[in-house]
C-alpha atoms as a PDB file:
ATOM      1  CA  MET A   1      70.496 157.501-165.475  1.00  0.00           C
ATOM      2  CA  LYS A   2      70.436 159.649-162.788  1.00  0.00           C
ATOM      3  CA  SER A   3      66.737 160.258-163.153  1.00  0.00           C
ATOM      4  CA  PHE A   4      66.335 156.459-162.992  1.00  0.00           C
ATOM      5  CA  ILE A   5      68.370 156.076-159.666  1.00  0.00           C
ATOM      6  CA  THR A   6      66.149 158.875-157.849  1.00  0.00           C
ATOM      7  CA  LEU A   7      63.103 157.324-159.161  1.00  0.00           C
ATOM      8  CA  TRP A   8      64.003 153.890-157.778  1.00  0.00           C
ATOM      9  CA  ILE A   9      65.312 155.012-154.706  1.00  0.00           C
ATOM     10  CA  GLY A  10      61.908 156.912-154.189  1.00  0.00           C
ATOM     11  CA  GLU A  11      60.070 153.900-154.997  1.00  0.00           C
ATOM     12  CA  LEU A  12      62.110 151.987-152.590  1.00  0.00           C
ATOM     13  CA  ILE A  13      61.541 154.174-149.769  1.00  0.00           C
ATOM     14  CA  SER A  14      57.789 154.779-150.721  1.00  0.00           C
ATOM     15  CA  SER A  15      57.701 150.570-150.959  1.00  0.00           C
ATOM     16  CA  ILE A  16      59.381 150.479-147.338  1.00  0.00           C
ATOM     17  CA  GLY A  17      57.147 153.253-145.604  1.00  0.00           C
ATOM     18  CA  SER A  18      53.961 151.095-147.008  1.00  0.00           C
ATOM     19  CA  GLY A  19      55.449 147.625-145.673  1.00  0.00           C
ATOM     20  CA  MET A  20      55.726 149.236-142.303  1.00  0.00           C
ATOM     21  CA  THR A  21      52.535 150.950-142.188  1.00  0.00           C
ATOM     22  CA  ALA A  22      50.814 147.628-142.996  1.00  0.00           C
ATOM     23  CA  PHE A  23      52.924 145.812-140.180  1.00  0.00           C
ATOM     24  CA  ALA A  24      52.006 148.571-137.801  1.00  0.00           C
ATOM     25  CA  VAL A  25      48.159 148.086-138.713  1.00  0.00           C
ATOM     26  CA  SER A  26      48.295 144.214-137.856  1.00  0.00           C
ATOM     27  CA  ILE A  27      50.173 145.072-134.471  1.00  0.00           C
ATOM     28  CA  TYR A  28      47.310 147.680-133.674  1.00  0.00           C
ATOM     29  CA  VAL A  29      44.459 145.311-134.683  1.00  0.00           C
ATOM     30  CA  TYR A  30      45.837 142.534-132.860  1.00  0.00           C
ATOM     31  CA  GLN A  31      45.838 144.698-129.563  1.00  0.00           C
ATOM     32  CA  ALA A  32      42.927 146.211-130.250  1.00  0.00           C
ATOM     33  CA  THR A  33      40.837 142.941-130.873  1.00  0.00           C
ATOM     34  CA  GLY A  34      43.123 140.026-129.671  1.00  0.00           C
ATOM     35  CA  SER A  35      41.859 137.997-132.861  1.00  0.00           C
ATOM     36  CA  ALA A  36      44.118 136.470-135.280  1.00  0.00           C
ATOM     37  CA  THR A  37      41.431 136.529-137.870  1.00  0.00           C
ATOM     38  CA  TRP A  38      41.207 140.192-137.847  1.00  0.00           C
ATOM     39  CA  VAL A  39      45.066 140.359-137.990  1.00  0.00           C
ATOM     40  CA  SER A  40      45.033 138.183-141.426  1.00  0.00           C
ATOM     41  CA  VAL A  41      42.004 140.459-142.740  1.00  0.00           C
ATOM     42  CA  ALA A  42      43.728 143.637-142.092  1.00  0.00           C
ATOM     43  CA  ALA A  43      46.807 142.269-143.731  1.00  0.00           C
ATOM     44  CA  LEU A  44      45.193 141.292-146.495  1.00  0.00           C
ATOM     45  CA  LEU A  45      43.389 144.306-147.188  1.00  0.00           C
ATOM     46  CA  ALA A  46      46.725 146.100-146.358  1.00  0.00           C
ATOM     47  CA  TYR A  47      48.791 144.327-148.896  1.00  0.00           C
ATOM     48  CA  LEU A  48      45.692 143.758-151.586  1.00  0.00           C
ATOM     49  CA  PRO A  49      46.648 147.048-153.769  1.00  0.00           C
ATOM     50  CA  THR A  50      50.104 145.550-154.050  1.00  0.00           C
ATOM     51  CA  ILE A  51      48.818 142.295-155.064  1.00  0.00           C
ATOM     52  CA  LEU A  52      46.342 143.638-157.749  1.00  0.00           C
ATOM     53  CA  GLN A  53      48.797 145.551-159.027  1.00  0.00           C
ATOM     54  CA  ASP A  54      51.342 143.136-160.087  1.00  0.00           C
END
């Protein structure tokens, strides 16, 4: 059971980090381009691996 909890906590931290990175990339793209279209493209590409995995 201890191994499962350790693995679960590691996955949780990884998921939080991935979400924060995707959010930061969206902010960066908006500051660089000022375009909502490019922000949505960046967000889609950032979350695409998660969407395809599930």
